[in-house]
């Protein structure tokens, strides 16, 4: 994936064909993969595992960075009920990505 003609993300996504059988026939230059998936199946659970990894030669080539440069790796799984719907492996050039969150802690009674 690119932003302002600069590669920012390398994406590898596996989609459960029993839930979304026509996924491989879509033109994702016109529709974002996430938007398409949300239209096709409800996501009931999401898991994110985030790691810092060094870029291997292939990743460095795709992202236009040096071999060994720091990358952010996100392993994401989504479920529809008890069935895994997607598995995504997303690698970001560390210098082109930041991670943040905002939440409200639950109050104990």
PDB file of N, CA and C in Angstrom:
ATOM      1  N   UNK A   1       0.834  -1.176   0.000  1.00  0.00           N
ATOM      2  CA  UNK A   1       0.000   0.000   0.000  1.00  0.00           C
ATOM      3  C   UNK A   1       0.881   1.243   0.000  1.00  0.00           C
ATOM      4  N   UNK A   2       0.404   2.268  -0.707  1.00  0.00           N
ATOM      5  CA  UNK A   2       1.175   3.494  -0.884  1.00  0.00           C
ATOM      6  C   UNK A   2       0.431   4.689  -0.309  1.00  0.00           C
ATOM      7  N   UNK A   3       1.192   5.690   0.104  1.00  0.00           N
ATOM      8  CA  UNK A   3       0.650   6.977   0.499  1.00  0.00           C
ATOM      9  C   UNK A   3       1.549   8.039  -0.112  1.00  0.00           C
ATOM     10  N   UNK A   4       0.968   8.899  -0.942  1.00  0.00           N
ATOM     11  CA  UNK A   4       1.743   9.914  -1.667  1.00  0.00           C
ATOM     12  C   UNK A   4       2.892   9.279  -2.450  1.00  0.00           C
ATOM     13  N   UNK A   5       2.612   8.183  -3.137  1.00  0.00           N
ATOM     14  CA  UNK A   5       3.575   7.446  -3.962  1.00  0.00           C
ATOM     15  C   UNK A   5       4.728   6.840  -3.165  1.00  0.00           C
ATOM     16  N   UNK A   6       4.597   6.746  -1.860  1.00  0.00           N
ATOM     17  CA  UNK A   6       5.630   6.174  -1.006  1.00  0.00           C
ATOM     18  C   UNK A   6       5.093   4.874  -0.404  1.00  0.00           C
ATOM     19  N   UNK A   7       5.835   3.767  -0.546  1.00  0.00           N
ATOM     20  CA  UNK A   7       5.335   2.508   0.020  1.00  0.00           C
ATOM     21  C   UNK A   7       5.356   2.563   1.546  1.00  0.00           C
ATOM     22  N   UNK A   8       4.204   2.264   2.159  1.00  0.00           N
ATOM     23  CA  UNK A   8       4.117   2.322   3.616  1.00  0.00           C
ATOM     24  C   UNK A   8       3.733   0.988   4.242  1.00  0.00           C
ATOM     25  N   UNK A   9       3.153   0.086   3.445  1.00  0.00           N
ATOM     26  CA  UNK A   9       2.682  -1.166   4.023  1.00  0.00           C
ATOM     27  C   UNK A   9       2.805  -2.304   3.024  1.00  0.00           C
ATOM     28  N   UNK A  10       3.262  -3.431   3.529  1.00  0.00           N
ATOM     29  CA  UNK A  10       3.282  -4.675   2.769  1.00  0.00           C
ATOM     30  C   UNK A  10       2.210  -5.550   3.398  1.00  0.00           C
ATOM     31  N   UNK A  11       1.255  -6.006   2.596  1.00  0.00           N
ATOM     32  CA  UNK A  11       0.091  -6.713   3.123  1.00  0.00           C
ATOM     33  C   UNK A  11      -0.013  -8.114   2.539  1.00  0.00           C
ATOM     34  N   UNK A  12      -0.210  -9.068   3.413  1.00  0.00           N
ATOM     35  CA  UNK A  12      -0.493 -10.445   3.019  1.00  0.00           C
ATOM     36  C   UNK A  12      -1.772 -10.827   3.755  1.00  0.00           C
ATOM     37  N   UNK A  13      -2.823 -11.154   3.008  1.00  0.00           N
ATOM     38  CA  UNK A  13      -4.128 -11.413   3.621  1.00  0.00           C
ATOM     39  C   UNK A  13      -4.677 -12.746   3.127  1.00  0.00           C
ATOM     40  N   UNK A  14      -5.143 -13.536   4.068  1.00  0.00           N
ATOM     41  CA  UNK A  14      -5.792 -14.809   3.765  1.00  0.00           C
ATOM     42  C   UNK A  14      -7.262 -14.664   4.135  1.00  0.00           C
ATOM     43  N   UNK A  15      -8.138 -15.012   3.198  1.00  0.00           N
ATOM     44  CA  UNK A  15      -9.571 -14.856   3.403  1.00  0.00           C
ATOM     45  C   UNK A  15     -10.230 -16.224   3.330  1.00  0.00           C
ATOM     46  N   UNK A  16     -11.084 -16.526   4.303  1.00  0.00           N
ATOM     47  CA  UNK A  16     -11.773 -17.810   4.345  1.00  0.00           C
ATOM     48  C   UNK A  16     -12.762 -17.889   3.180  1.00  0.00           C
ATOM     49  N   UNK A  17     -12.509 -18.768   2.200  1.00  0.00           N
ATOM     50  CA  UNK A  17     -13.373 -18.824   1.023  1.00  0.00           C
ATOM     51  C   UNK A  17     -14.781 -19.334   1.315  1.00  0.00           C
ATOM     52  N   UNK A  18     -14.969 -20.031   2.429  1.00  0.00           N
ATOM     53  CA  UNK A  18     -16.327 -20.483   2.752  1.00  0.00           C
ATOM     54  C   UNK A  18     -17.205 -19.318   3.212  1.00  0.00           C
ATOM     55  N   UNK A  19     -16.591 -18.263   3.720  1.00  0.00           N
ATOM     56  CA  UNK A  19     -17.343 -17.076   4.137  1.00  0.00           C
ATOM     57  C   UNK A  19     -17.441 -16.030   3.037  1.00  0.00           C
ATOM     58  N   UNK A  20     -16.382 -15.902   2.236  1.00  0.00           N
ATOM     59  CA  UNK A  20     -16.319 -14.864   1.205  1.00  0.00           C
ATOM     60  C   UNK A  20     -15.776 -15.500  -0.079  1.00  0.00           C
ATOM     61  N   UNK A  21     -16.610 -16.279  -0.777  1.00  0.00           N
ATOM     62  CA  UNK A  21     -16.121 -17.063  -1.914  1.00  0.00           C
ATOM     63  C   UNK A  21     -15.673 -16.249  -3.126  1.00  0.00           C
ATOM     64  N   UNK A  22     -16.157 -15.028  -3.296  1.00  0.00           N
ATOM     65  CA  UNK A  22     -15.824 -14.236  -4.486  1.00  0.00           C
ATOM     66  C   UNK A  22     -14.738 -13.193  -4.232  1.00  0.00           C
ATOM     67  N   UNK A  23     -14.053 -13.292  -3.111  1.00  0.00           N
ATOM     68  CA  UNK A  23     -13.036 -12.303  -2.739  1.00  0.00           C
ATOM     69  C   UNK A  23     -11.966 -12.132  -3.815  1.00  0.00           C
ATOM     70  N   UNK A  24     -11.484 -13.229  -4.362  1.00  0.00           N
ATOM     71  CA  UNK A  24     -10.384 -13.171  -5.336  1.00  0.00           C
ATOM     72  C   UNK A  24     -10.803 -12.632  -6.697  1.00  0.00           C
ATOM     73  N   UNK A  25     -12.076 -12.361  -6.887  1.00  0.00           N
ATOM     74  CA  UNK A  25     -12.560 -11.836  -8.167  1.00  0.00           C
ATOM     75  C   UNK A  25     -12.801 -10.321  -8.120  1.00  0.00           C
ATOM     76  N   UNK A  26     -12.488  -9.687  -7.000  1.00  0.00           N
ATOM     77  CA  UNK A  26     -12.767  -8.262  -6.834  1.00  0.00           C
ATOM     78  C   UNK A  26     -11.638  -7.391  -7.377  1.00  0.00           C
ATOM     79  N   UNK A  27     -12.010  -6.189  -7.801  1.00  0.00           N
ATOM     80  CA  UNK A  27     -11.038  -5.191  -8.241  1.00  0.00           C
ATOM     81  C   UNK A  27     -10.793  -4.233  -7.076  1.00  0.00           C
ATOM     82  N   UNK A  28      -9.713  -4.484  -6.330  1.00  0.00           N
ATOM     83  CA  UNK A  28      -9.450  -3.685  -5.143  1.00  0.00           C
ATOM     84  C   UNK A  28      -8.769  -2.355  -5.454  1.00  0.00           C
ATOM     85  N   UNK A  29      -8.632  -2.016  -6.724  1.00  0.00           N
ATOM     86  CA  UNK A  29      -8.193  -0.663  -7.062  1.00  0.00           C
ATOM     87  C   UNK A  29      -9.379   0.298  -6.965  1.00  0.00           C
ATOM     88  N   UNK A  30     -10.601  -0.262  -6.899  1.00  0.00           N
ATOM     89  CA  UNK A  30     -11.812   0.557  -6.823  1.00  0.00           C
ATOM     90  C   UNK A  30     -12.471   0.521  -5.448  1.00  0.00           C
ATOM     91  N   UNK A  31     -12.226  -0.539  -4.694  1.00  0.00           N
ATOM     92  CA  UNK A  31     -12.805  -0.706  -3.361  1.00  0.00           C
ATOM     93  C   UNK A  31     -11.719  -1.179  -2.411  1.00  0.00           C
ATOM     94  N   UNK A  32     -11.648  -0.579  -1.246  1.00  0.00           N
ATOM     95  CA  UNK A  32     -10.669  -1.016  -0.244  1.00  0.00           C
ATOM     96  C   UNK A  32     -11.029  -2.411   0.253  1.00  0.00           C
ATOM     97  N   UNK A  33     -10.015  -3.222   0.504  1.00  0.00           N
ATOM     98  CA  UNK A  33     -10.265  -4.595   0.957  1.00  0.00           C
ATOM     99  C   UNK A  33     -11.089  -4.606   2.240  1.00  0.00           C
ATOM    100  N   UNK A  34     -10.749  -3.746   3.180  1.00  0.00           N
ATOM    101  CA  UNK A  34     -11.480  -3.704   4.455  1.00  0.00           C
ATOM    102  C   UNK A  34     -12.958  -3.398   4.224  1.00  0.00           C
ATOM    103  N   UNK A  35     -13.248  -2.388   3.412  1.00  0.00           N
ATOM    104  CA  UNK A  35     -14.641  -2.019   3.140  1.00  0.00           C
ATOM    105  C   UNK A  35     -15.396  -3.180   2.511  1.00  0.00           C
ATOM    106  N   UNK A  36     -14.777  -3.847   1.561  1.00  0.00           N
ATOM    107  CA  UNK A  36     -15.420  -4.981   0.900  1.00  0.00           C
ATOM    108  C   UNK A  36     -15.712  -6.097   1.900  1.00  0.00           C
ATOM    109  N   UNK A  37     -14.729  -6.424   2.729  1.00  0.00           N
ATOM    110  CA  UNK A  37     -14.916  -7.499   3.704  1.00  0.00           C
ATOM    111  C   UNK A  37     -16.027  -7.168   4.696  1.00  0.00           C
ATOM    112  N   UNK A  38     -16.107  -5.916   5.142  1.00  0.00           N
ATOM    113  CA  UNK A  38     -17.147  -5.531   6.097  1.00  0.00           C
ATOM    114  C   UNK A  38     -18.542  -5.605   5.482  1.00  0.00           C
ATOM    115  N   UNK A  39     -18.640  -5.400   4.174  1.00  0.00           N
ATOM    116  CA  UNK A  39     -19.927  -5.521   3.489  1.00  0.00           C
ATOM    117  C   UNK A  39     -20.361  -6.980   3.375  1.00  0.00           C
ATOM    118  N   UNK A  40     -19.397  -7.884   3.309  1.00  0.00           N
ATOM    119  CA  UNK A  40     -19.698  -9.287   3.026  1.00  0.00           C
ATOM    120  C   UNK A  40     -19.952 -10.149   4.255  1.00  0.00           C
ATOM    121  N   UNK A  41     -19.307  -9.853   5.361  1.00  0.00           N
ATOM    122  CA  UNK A  41     -19.465 -10.702   6.541  1.00  0.00           C
ATOM    123  C   UNK A  41     -19.272  -9.881   7.811  1.00  0.00           C
ATOM    124  N   UNK A  42     -20.111 -10.107   8.813  1.00  0.00           N
ATOM    125  CA  UNK A  42     -19.941  -9.361  10.062  1.00  0.00           C
ATOM    126  C   UNK A  42     -18.729  -9.866  10.840  1.00  0.00           C
ATOM    127  N   UNK A  43     -17.939  -8.957  11.339  1.00  0.00           N
ATOM    128  CA  UNK A  43     -16.790  -9.324  12.166  1.00  0.00           C
ATOM    129  C   UNK A  43     -17.237  -9.236  13.621  1.00  0.00           C
ATOM    130  N   UNK A  44     -17.073 -10.336  14.344  1.00  0.00           N
ATOM    131  CA  UNK A  44     -17.503 -10.369  15.739  1.00  0.00           C
ATOM    132  C   UNK A  44     -16.342 -10.287  16.718  1.00  0.00           C
ATOM    133  N   UNK A  45     -15.121 -10.534  16.225  1.00  0.00           N
ATOM    134  CA  UNK A  45     -13.955 -10.486  17.099  1.00  0.00           C
ATOM    135  C   UNK A  45     -12.716 -10.190  16.261  1.00  0.00           C
ATOM    136  N   UNK A  46     -11.787  -9.418  16.844  1.00  0.00           N
ATOM    137  CA  UNK A  46     -10.532  -9.070  16.174  1.00  0.00           C
ATOM    138  C   UNK A  46      -9.390  -9.281  17.161  1.00  0.00           C
ATOM    139  N   UNK A  47      -8.296  -9.858  16.669  1.00  0.00           N
ATOM    140  CA  UNK A  47      -7.089 -10.031  17.475  1.00  0.00           C
ATOM    141  C   UNK A  47      -5.937  -9.331  16.768  1.00  0.00           C
ATOM    142  N   UNK A  48      -5.172  -8.532  17.511  1.00  0.00           N
ATOM    143  CA  UNK A  48      -3.970  -7.878  16.982  1.00  0.00           C
ATOM    144  C   UNK A  48      -2.773  -8.302  17.813  1.00  0.00           C
ATOM    145  N   UNK A  49      -1.722  -8.733  17.149  1.00  0.00           N
ATOM    146  CA  UNK A  49      -0.437  -8.985  17.793  1.00  0.00           C
ATOM    147  C   UNK A  49       0.573  -8.119  17.056  1.00  0.00           C
ATOM    148  N   UNK A  50       1.250  -7.235  17.781  1.00  0.00           N
ATOM    149  CA  UNK A  50       2.147  -6.254  17.171  1.00  0.00           C
ATOM    150  C   UNK A  50       3.572  -6.527  17.626  1.00  0.00           C
ATOM    151  N   UNK A  51       4.500  -6.535  16.666  1.00  0.00           N
ATOM    152  CA  UNK A  51       5.909  -6.793  16.952  1.00  0.00           C
ATOM    153  C   UNK A  51       6.783  -5.821  16.176  1.00  0.00           C
ATOM    154  N   UNK A  52       7.988  -5.605  16.680  1.00  0.00           N
ATOM    155  CA  UNK A  52       9.021  -4.881  15.932  1.00  0.00           C
ATOM    156  C   UNK A  52       9.925  -5.939  15.312  1.00  0.00           C
ATOM    157  N   UNK A  53      10.162  -5.822  14.005  1.00  0.00           N
ATOM    158  CA  UNK A  53      10.992  -6.801  13.300  1.00  0.00           C
ATOM    159  C   UNK A  53      11.956  -6.077  12.364  1.00  0.00           C
ATOM    160  N   UNK A  54      13.092  -6.706  12.035  1.00  0.00           N
ATOM    161  CA  UNK A  54      13.986  -6.126  11.025  1.00  0.00           C
ATOM    162  C   UNK A  54      13.490  -6.498   9.628  1.00  0.00           C
ATOM    163  N   UNK A  55      13.696  -5.616   8.683  1.00  0.00           N
ATOM    164  CA  UNK A  55      13.294  -5.883   7.301  1.00  0.00           C
ATOM    165  C   UNK A  55      14.229  -6.900   6.671  1.00  0.00           C
ATOM    166  N   UNK A  56      13.641  -7.962   6.098  1.00  0.00           N
ATOM    167  CA  UNK A  56      14.452  -8.882   5.307  1.00  0.00           C
ATOM    168  C   UNK A  56      14.607  -8.280   3.909  1.00  0.00           C
ATOM    169  N   UNK A  57      15.325  -8.958   3.033  1.00  0.00           N
ATOM    170  CA  UNK A  57      15.632  -8.399   1.707  1.00  0.00           C
ATOM    171  C   UNK A  57      14.370  -8.119   0.895  1.00  0.00           C
ATOM    172  N   UNK A  58      13.413  -9.048   0.905  1.00  0.00           N
ATOM    173  CA  UNK A  58      12.194  -8.857   0.116  1.00  0.00           C
ATOM    174  C   UNK A  58      11.350  -7.705   0.667  1.00  0.00           C
ATOM    175  N   UNK A  59      11.189  -7.657   1.970  1.00  0.00           N
ATOM    176  CA  UNK A  59      10.426  -6.575   2.593  1.00  0.00           C
ATOM    177  C   UNK A  59      11.084  -5.228   2.313  1.00  0.00           C
ATOM    178  N   UNK A  60      12.404  -5.169   2.456  1.00  0.00           N
ATOM    179  CA  UNK A  60      13.140  -3.926   2.197  1.00  0.00           C
ATOM    180  C   UNK A  60      12.939  -3.461   0.759  1.00  0.00           C
ATOM    181  N   UNK A  61      12.969  -4.398  -0.172  1.00  0.00           N
ATOM    182  CA  UNK A  61      12.780  -4.050  -1.586  1.00  0.00           C
ATOM    183  C   UNK A  61      11.383  -3.477  -1.815  1.00  0.00           C
ATOM    184  N   UNK A  62      10.361  -4.120  -1.276  1.00  0.00           N
ATOM    185  CA  UNK A  62       8.982  -3.654  -1.475  1.00  0.00           C
ATOM    186  C   UNK A  62       8.708  -2.315  -0.795  1.00  0.00           C
ATOM    187  N   UNK A  63       9.293  -2.108   0.375  1.00  0.00           N
ATOM    188  CA  UNK A  63       9.031  -0.871   1.112  1.00  0.00           C
ATOM    189  C   UNK A  63      10.037   0.239   0.813  1.00  0.00           C
ATOM    190  N   UNK A  64      11.075  -0.067   0.035  1.00  0.00           N
ATOM    191  CA  UNK A  64      12.070   0.946  -0.304  1.00  0.00           C
ATOM    192  C   UNK A  64      12.892   1.383   0.889  1.00  0.00           C
ATOM    193  N   UNK A  65      13.257   0.415   1.739  1.00  0.00           N
ATOM    194  CA  UNK A  65      14.059   0.702   2.930  1.00  0.00           C
ATOM    195  C   UNK A  65      15.278  -0.209   2.936  1.00  0.00           C
ATOM    196  N   UNK A  66      16.192   0.019   3.859  1.00  0.00           N
ATOM    197  CA  UNK A  66      17.392  -0.804   3.962  1.00  0.00           C
ATOM    198  C   UNK A  66      17.082  -2.145   4.618  1.00  0.00           C
ATOM    199  N   UNK A  67      17.803  -3.175   4.196  1.00  0.00           N
ATOM    200  CA  UNK A  67      17.723  -4.467   4.868  1.00  0.00           C
ATOM    201  C   UNK A  67      18.111  -4.251   6.328  1.00  0.00           C
ATOM    202  N   UNK A  68      17.339  -4.797   7.227  1.00  0.00           N
ATOM    203  CA  UNK A  68      17.599  -4.641   8.656  1.00  0.00           C
ATOM    204  C   UNK A  68      16.922  -3.443   9.293  1.00  0.00           C
ATOM    205  N   UNK A  69      16.351  -2.551   8.464  1.00  0.00           N
ATOM    206  CA  UNK A  69      15.645  -1.395   9.030  1.00  0.00           C
ATOM    207  C   UNK A  69      14.473  -1.885   9.879  1.00  0.00           C
ATOM    208  N   UNK A  70      14.136  -1.131  10.886  1.00  0.00           N
ATOM    209  CA  UNK A  70      13.067  -1.516  11.800  1.00  0.00           C
ATOM    210  C   UNK A  70      11.695  -1.398  11.124  1.00  0.00           C
ATOM    211  N   UNK A  71      10.896  -2.436  11.301  1.00  0.00           N
ATOM    212  CA  UNK A  71       9.534  -2.455  10.778  1.00  0.00           C
ATOM    213  C   UNK A  71       8.563  -2.782  11.908  1.00  0.00           C
ATOM    214  N   UNK A  72       7.343  -2.335  11.746  1.00  0.00           N
ATOM    215  CA  UNK A  72       6.263  -2.701  12.642  1.00  0.00           C
ATOM    216  C   UNK A  72       5.480  -3.809  11.950  1.00  0.00           C
ATOM    217  N   UNK A  73       5.298  -4.928  12.635  1.00  0.00           N
ATOM    218  CA  UNK A  73       4.583  -6.077  12.071  1.00  0.00           C
ATOM    219  C   UNK A  73       3.299  -6.289  12.860  1.00  0.00           C
ATOM    220  N   UNK A  74       2.179  -6.302  12.148  1.00  0.00           N
ATOM    221  CA  UNK A  74       0.874  -6.517  12.762  1.00  0.00           C
ATOM    222  C   UNK A  74       0.291  -7.818  12.231  1.00  0.00           C
ATOM    223  N   UNK A  75       0.041  -8.751  13.119  1.00  0.00           N
ATOM    224  CA  UNK A  75      -0.627 -10.011  12.769  1.00  0.00           C
ATOM    225  C   UNK A  75      -2.063  -9.869  13.264  1.00  0.00           C
ATOM    226  N   UNK A  76      -3.012  -9.883  12.331  1.00  0.00           N
ATOM    227  CA  UNK A  76      -4.420  -9.656  12.665  1.00  0.00           C
ATOM    228  C   UNK A  76      -5.246 -10.875  12.272  1.00  0.00           C
ATOM    229  N   UNK A  77      -6.115 -11.297  13.169  1.00  0.00           N
ATOM    230  CA  UNK A  77      -7.098 -12.329  12.840  1.00  0.00           C
ATOM    231  C   UNK A  77      -8.481 -11.768  13.144  1.00  0.00           C
ATOM    232  N   UNK A  78      -9.441 -12.080  12.274  1.00  0.00           N
ATOM    233  CA  UNK A  78     -10.824 -11.686  12.511  1.00  0.00           C
ATOM    234  C   UNK A  78     -11.697 -12.933  12.486  1.00  0.00           C
ATOM    235  N   UNK A  79     -12.768 -12.880  13.250  1.00  0.00           N
ATOM    236  CA  UNK A  79     -13.715 -13.988  13.318  1.00  0.00           C
ATOM    237  C   UNK A  79     -15.112 -13.509  12.979  1.00  0.00           C
ATOM    238  N   UNK A  80     -15.887 -14.410  12.405  1.00  0.00           N
ATOM    239  CA  UNK A  80     -17.325 -14.270  12.262  1.00  0.00           C
ATOM    240  C   UNK A  80     -17.906 -15.407  13.085  1.00  0.00           C
ATOM    241  N   UNK A  81     -18.422 -15.081  14.246  1.00  0.00           N
ATOM    242  CA  UNK A  81     -18.837 -16.126  15.182  1.00  0.00           C
ATOM    243  C   UNK A  81     -17.611 -16.905  15.617  1.00  0.00           C
ATOM    244  N   UNK A  82     -17.671 -18.233  15.491  1.00  0.00           N
ATOM    245  CA  UNK A  82     -16.551 -19.089  15.895  1.00  0.00           C
ATOM    246  C   UNK A  82     -15.595 -19.394  14.742  1.00  0.00           C
ATOM    247  N   UNK A  83     -15.846 -18.817  13.568  1.00  0.00           N
ATOM    248  CA  UNK A  83     -15.078 -19.131  12.362  1.00  0.00           C
ATOM    249  C   UNK A  83     -14.085 -18.011  12.052  1.00  0.00           C
ATOM    250  N   UNK A  84     -12.817 -18.372  11.827  1.00  0.00           N
ATOM    251  CA  UNK A  84     -11.823 -17.377  11.409  1.00  0.00           C
ATOM    252  C   UNK A  84     -12.186 -16.901  10.005  1.00  0.00           C
ATOM    253  N   UNK A  85     -12.368 -15.597   9.854  1.00  0.00           N
ATOM    254  CA  UNK A  85     -12.735 -15.017   8.562  1.00  0.00           C
ATOM    255  C   UNK A  85     -11.508 -14.590   7.768  1.00  0.00           C
ATOM    256  N   UNK A  86     -10.554 -13.929   8.440  1.00  0.00           N
ATOM    257  CA  UNK A  86      -9.346 -13.458   7.757  1.00  0.00           C
ATOM    258  C   UNK A  86      -8.141 -13.571   8.676  1.00  0.00           C
ATOM    259  N   UNK A  87      -6.992 -13.718   8.042  1.00  0.00           N
ATOM    260  CA  UNK A  87      -5.704 -13.611   8.719  1.00  0.00           C
ATOM    261  C   UNK A  87      -4.888 -12.633   7.887  1.00  0.00           C
ATOM    262  N   UNK A  88      -4.403 -11.584   8.522  1.00  0.00           N
ATOM    263  CA  UNK A  88      -3.626 -10.570   7.806  1.00  0.00           C
ATOM    264  C   UNK A  88      -2.263 -10.420   8.450  1.00  0.00           C
ATOM    265  N   UNK A  89      -1.254 -10.296   7.594  1.00  0.00           N
ATOM    266  CA  UNK A  89       0.109 -10.018   8.035  1.00  0.00           C
ATOM    267  C   UNK A  89       0.496  -8.698   7.388  1.00  0.00           C
ATOM    268  N   UNK A  90       0.606  -7.663   8.199  1.00  0.00           N
ATOM    269  CA  UNK A  90       0.845  -6.313   7.711  1.00  0.00           C
ATOM    270  C   UNK A  90       2.195  -5.835   8.227  1.00  0.00           C
ATOM    271  N   UNK A  91       3.075  -5.449   7.306  1.00  0.00           N
ATOM    272  CA  UNK A  91       4.400  -4.963   7.674  1.00  0.00           C
ATOM    273  C   UNK A  91       4.522  -3.512   7.235  1.00  0.00           C
ATOM    274  N   UNK A  92       4.891  -2.657   8.180  1.00  0.00           N
ATOM    275  CA  UNK A  92       5.019  -1.222   7.934  1.00  0.00           C
ATOM    276  C   UNK A  92       6.472  -0.801   8.088  1.00  0.00           C
ATOM    277  N   UNK A  93       6.930   0.097   7.234  1.00  0.00           N
ATOM    278  CA  UNK A  93       8.243   0.708   7.430  1.00  0.00           C
ATOM    279  C   UNK A  93       8.176   1.484   8.739  1.00  0.00           C
ATOM    280  N   UNK A  94       9.056   1.166   9.675  1.00  0.00           N
ATOM    281  CA  UNK A  94       8.999   1.771  11.002  1.00  0.00           C
ATOM    282  C   UNK A  94       9.065   3.287  10.991  1.00  0.00           C
ATOM    283  N   UNK A  95       9.791   3.855  10.043  1.00  0.00           N
ATOM    284  CA  UNK A  95       9.936   5.308   9.980  1.00  0.00           C
ATOM    285  C   UNK A  95       8.721   5.992   9.369  1.00  0.00           C
ATOM    286  N   UNK A  96       7.758   5.201   8.862  1.00  0.00           N
ATOM    287  CA  UNK A  96       6.586   5.771   8.192  1.00  0.00           C
ATOM    288  C   UNK A  96       5.286   5.398   8.895  1.00  0.00           C
ATOM    289  N   UNK A  97       5.374   5.008  10.154  1.00  0.00           N
ATOM    290  CA  UNK A  97       4.175   4.559  10.844  1.00  0.00           C
ATOM    291  C   UNK A  97       4.286   4.871  12.322  1.00  0.00           C
ATOM    292  N   UNK A  98       3.178   5.212  12.918  1.00  0.00           N
ATOM    293  CA  UNK A  98       3.135   5.364  14.372  1.00  0.00           C
ATOM    294  C   UNK A  98       1.881   4.665  14.878  1.00  0.00           C
ATOM    295  N   UNK A  99       1.939   4.239  16.102  1.00  0.00           N
ATOM    296  CA  UNK A  99       0.847   3.491  16.698  1.00  0.00           C
ATOM    297  C   UNK A  99       0.387   4.227  17.943  1.00  0.00           C
ATOM    298  N   UNK A 100      -0.893   4.396  18.086  1.00  0.00           N
ATOM    299  CA  UNK A 100      -1.431   5.059  19.264  1.00  0.00           C
ATOM    300  C   UNK A 100      -2.789   4.482  19.612  1.00  0.00           C
ATOM    301  N   UNK A 101      -3.254   4.777  20.788  1.00  0.00           N
ATOM    302  CA  UNK A 101      -4.587   4.326  21.179  1.00  0.00           C
ATOM    303  C   UNK A 101      -5.169   5.290  22.196  1.00  0.00           C
ATOM    304  N   UNK A 102      -6.463   5.206  22.342  1.00  0.00           N
ATOM    305  CA  UNK A 102      -7.178   5.991  23.336  1.00  0.00           C
ATOM    306  C   UNK A 102      -8.288   5.102  23.863  1.00  0.00           C
ATOM    307  N   UNK A 103      -8.426   5.040  25.161  1.00  0.00           N
ATOM    308  CA  UNK A 103      -9.474   4.208  25.732  1.00  0.00           C
ATOM    309  C   UNK A 103      -9.888   4.743  27.087  1.00  0.00           C
ATOM    310  N   UNK A 104     -11.026   4.288  27.537  1.00  0.00           N
ATOM    311  CA  UNK A 104     -11.524   4.624  28.867  1.00  0.00           C
ATOM    312  C   UNK A 104     -11.508   3.355  29.700  1.00  0.00           C
ATOM    313  N   UNK A 105     -10.711   3.328  30.765  1.00  0.00           N
ATOM    314  CA  UNK A 105     -10.688   2.141  31.605  1.00  0.00           C
ATOM    315  C   UNK A 105     -12.054   1.928  32.255  1.00  0.00           C
ATOM    316  N   UNK A 106     -12.438   0.672  32.397  1.00  0.00           N
ATOM    317  CA  UNK A 106     -13.716   0.393  33.053  1.00  0.00           C
ATOM    318  C   UNK A 106     -13.584   0.687  34.541  1.00  0.00           C
ATOM    319  N   UNK A 107     -14.665   1.123  35.112  1.00  0.00           N
ATOM    320  CA  UNK A 107     -14.668   1.447  36.542  1.00  0.00           C
ATOM    321  C   UNK A 107     -15.167   0.237  37.314  1.00  0.00           C
ATOM    322  N   UNK A 108     -14.439  -0.141  38.347  1.00  0.00           N
ATOM    323  CA  UNK A 108     -14.894  -1.261  39.161  1.00  0.00           C
ATOM    324  C   UNK A 108     -15.908  -0.762  40.179  1.00  0.00           C
ATOM    325  N   UNK A 109     -16.846  -1.639  40.533  1.00  0.00           N
ATOM    326  CA  UNK A 109     -17.913  -1.226  41.453  1.00  0.00           C
ATOM    327  C   UNK A 109     -17.551  -1.413  42.898  1.00  0.00           C
TER     328      UNK A 109
END
